[in-house]
């Protein structure tokens, strides 16, 4: 059973070496950016962990940025959802999304957005399954689909 929790500095090498290479074909090490996200109060980097305190075993991760606006309610922008390929279709992505949606509600977000490459057929189907609506479609295979979900 996976536990969804906030990532710590100890998770950074595992996220960067074991999970992020599955996001892009041309992964560039990103430990510095991960450290920045973990230390920011407006970013949330969460992991699905099936290990122990002394030896984590990360199955997936996702990031959310809470964007504050002067004239309207804040909104969440989720990115970089990745589940290890050996553990897909086990509910890990759903647990990560639900956790971040709860965080967004606690931060008074009314809406969450998520982007996904049109090349990721399974990912695009997942967002729709999770209740997100495509509000902008990529114009070519190198573009990005934009999804939105209104929170209760």
Protein backbone atom coordinates (compact mmCIF):
# COMPACT_ATOMS: atom_id res chain seq x y z
CA UNK A 1 0.00 0.00 0.00
CA UNK A 2 1.41 3.37 -1.03
CA UNK A 3 1.59 6.33 1.30
CA UNK A 4 1.27 9.74 -0.34
CA UNK A 5 3.46 12.28 1.39
CA UNK A 6 5.37 15.48 0.80
CA UNK A 7 8.77 14.85 -0.74
CA UNK A 8 11.87 15.51 1.36
CA UNK A 9 15.44 16.32 0.41
CA UNK A 10 16.30 12.66 0.93
CA UNK A 11 13.89 11.80 -1.92
CA UNK A 12 15.56 14.07 -4.48
CA UNK A 13 18.08 11.55 -5.89
CA UNK A 14 15.36 8.88 -6.23
CA UNK A 15 12.93 11.26 -7.94
CA UNK A 16 15.59 12.51 -10.34
CA UNK A 17 17.18 9.15 -11.16
CA UNK A 18 14.29 6.68 -10.88
CA UNK A 19 11.15 8.62 -11.83
CA UNK A 20 11.86 11.75 -13.88
CA UNK A 21 13.67 9.87 -16.69
CA UNK A 22 10.24 8.37 -17.49
CA UNK A 23 8.78 11.86 -18.11
CA UNK A 24 10.89 12.77 -21.12
CA UNK A 25 13.09 10.95 -23.60
CA UNK A 26 15.87 13.47 -23.05
CA UNK A 27 15.88 13.79 -19.25
CA UNK A 28 18.37 16.30 -17.90
CA UNK A 29 19.31 15.89 -14.21
CA UNK A 30 17.23 18.34 -12.20
CA UNK A 31 18.20 17.94 -8.53
CA UNK A 32 18.64 21.73 -8.13
CA UNK A 33 15.14 22.47 -9.44
CA UNK A 34 13.64 19.69 -7.32
CA UNK A 35 15.34 21.16 -4.23
CA UNK A 36 13.90 24.59 -5.08
CA UNK A 37 10.38 23.19 -5.42
CA UNK A 38 10.62 21.28 -2.13
CA UNK A 39 11.76 24.39 -0.26
CA UNK A 40 9.10 26.74 -1.69
CA UNK A 41 5.88 27.41 0.20
CA UNK A 42 3.88 27.79 -3.03
CA UNK A 43 4.99 24.47 -4.55
CA UNK A 44 4.04 20.98 -3.46
CA UNK A 45 6.03 17.96 -4.58
CA UNK A 46 4.44 14.74 -3.40
CA UNK A 47 5.53 11.14 -3.72
CA UNK A 48 3.88 7.74 -3.53
CA UNK A 49 6.11 5.74 -1.19
CA UNK A 50 5.88 2.02 -0.55
CA UNK A 51 9.08 1.78 1.50
CA UNK A 52 10.08 2.60 5.05
CA UNK A 53 11.34 5.76 6.73
CA UNK A 54 14.91 4.54 6.42
CA UNK A 55 14.54 3.15 2.91
CA UNK A 56 11.92 4.81 0.72
CA UNK A 57 10.64 3.03 -2.37
CA UNK A 58 9.08 5.67 -4.60
CA UNK A 59 6.41 4.61 -7.09
CA UNK A 60 5.40 8.02 -8.41
CA UNK A 61 5.48 11.76 -7.97
CA UNK A 62 3.60 14.92 -8.96
CA UNK A 63 4.13 18.66 -8.50
CA UNK A 64 1.62 21.45 -7.92
CA UNK A 65 2.22 25.20 -7.90
CA UNK A 66 -0.37 27.31 -6.11
CA UNK A 67 -0.63 30.53 -8.07
CA UNK A 68 -1.93 33.51 -6.16
CA UNK A 69 -3.86 36.18 -8.02
CA UNK A 70 -4.74 39.67 -6.86
CA UNK A 71 -8.16 39.83 -8.49
CA UNK A 72 -9.45 36.28 -8.06
CA UNK A 73 -9.09 33.05 -6.14
CA UNK A 74 -5.78 31.19 -6.33
CA UNK A 75 -5.52 28.19 -8.60
CA UNK A 76 -3.34 25.12 -8.74
CA UNK A 77 -1.12 24.14 -11.65
CA UNK A 78 -0.12 20.48 -11.55
CA UNK A 79 2.82 19.16 -13.55
CA UNK A 80 5.22 16.28 -13.88
CA UNK A 81 2.97 13.41 -12.90
CA UNK A 82 5.00 10.25 -13.30
CA UNK A 83 4.37 6.72 -12.09
CA UNK A 84 7.09 4.13 -12.50
CA UNK A 85 6.23 2.07 -15.62
CA UNK A 86 6.28 -1.17 -13.61
CA UNK A 87 3.53 0.21 -11.34
CA UNK A 88 1.04 1.87 -13.67
CA UNK A 89 -2.68 1.08 -13.50
CA UNK A 90 -2.48 0.41 -9.74
CA UNK A 91 -4.11 3.68 -8.62
CA UNK A 92 -0.88 5.51 -7.79
CA UNK A 93 -1.62 8.44 -10.13
CA UNK A 94 -5.14 8.74 -8.73
CA UNK A 95 -3.80 8.88 -5.15
CA UNK A 96 -1.27 11.56 -6.08
CA UNK A 97 -3.93 13.68 -7.82
CA UNK A 98 -6.43 13.31 -4.96
CA UNK A 99 -3.80 14.33 -2.41
CA UNK A 100 -2.89 17.46 -4.37
CA UNK A 101 -6.54 18.31 -4.99
CA UNK A 102 -7.06 18.24 -1.20
CA UNK A 103 -4.05 20.52 -0.74
CA UNK A 104 -5.49 22.89 -3.36
CA UNK A 105 -8.83 23.03 -1.54
CA UNK A 106 -7.05 23.81 1.75
CA UNK A 107 -5.22 26.63 -0.04
CA UNK A 108 -8.61 28.00 -1.26
CA UNK A 109 -8.01 27.10 -4.90
CA UNK A 110 -11.18 26.94 -6.96
CA UNK A 111 -9.56 25.45 -10.07
CA UNK A 112 -6.68 23.13 -10.93
CA UNK A 113 -4.97 22.98 -14.31
CA UNK A 114 -2.78 20.24 -15.74
CA UNK A 115 -0.85 19.96 -18.98
CA UNK A 116 -0.14 16.79 -20.92
CA UNK A 117 1.62 16.01 -24.16
CA UNK A 118 -0.74 14.71 -26.85
CA UNK A 119 1.77 11.87 -27.33
CA UNK A 120 0.82 10.50 -23.90
CA UNK A 121 -2.43 8.80 -24.88
CA UNK A 122 -2.84 6.99 -21.56
CA UNK A 123 -2.08 10.18 -19.63
CA UNK A 124 -4.71 12.16 -21.51
CA UNK A 125 -7.30 9.46 -20.83
CA UNK A 126 -6.31 9.49 -17.15
CA UNK A 127 -6.98 13.23 -16.77
CA UNK A 128 -10.45 12.83 -18.25
CA UNK A 129 -11.08 9.85 -15.95
CA UNK A 130 -10.10 12.07 -12.99
CA UNK A 131 -12.73 14.65 -13.96
CA UNK A 132 -10.55 17.13 -15.84
CA UNK A 133 -11.84 18.76 -19.01
CA UNK A 134 -9.60 19.62 -21.94
CA UNK A 135 -9.85 23.36 -22.46
CA UNK A 136 -7.07 23.75 -25.03
CA UNK A 137 -5.72 21.15 -27.43
CA UNK A 138 -2.20 21.06 -28.78
CA UNK A 139 -1.87 22.27 -32.34
CA UNK A 140 0.76 19.62 -33.14
CA UNK A 141 2.47 16.63 -31.53
CA UNK A 142 5.07 18.89 -29.87
CA UNK A 143 2.44 21.03 -28.17
CA UNK A 144 0.57 20.58 -24.92
CA UNK A 145 -3.03 19.82 -24.02
CA UNK A 146 -4.40 21.90 -21.16
CA UNK A 147 -6.91 20.40 -18.72
CA UNK A 148 -9.00 22.09 -16.04
CA UNK A 149 -10.98 20.86 -13.04
CA UNK A 150 -13.28 22.95 -10.88
CA UNK A 151 -12.95 22.07 -7.20
CA UNK A 152 -15.90 21.86 -4.83
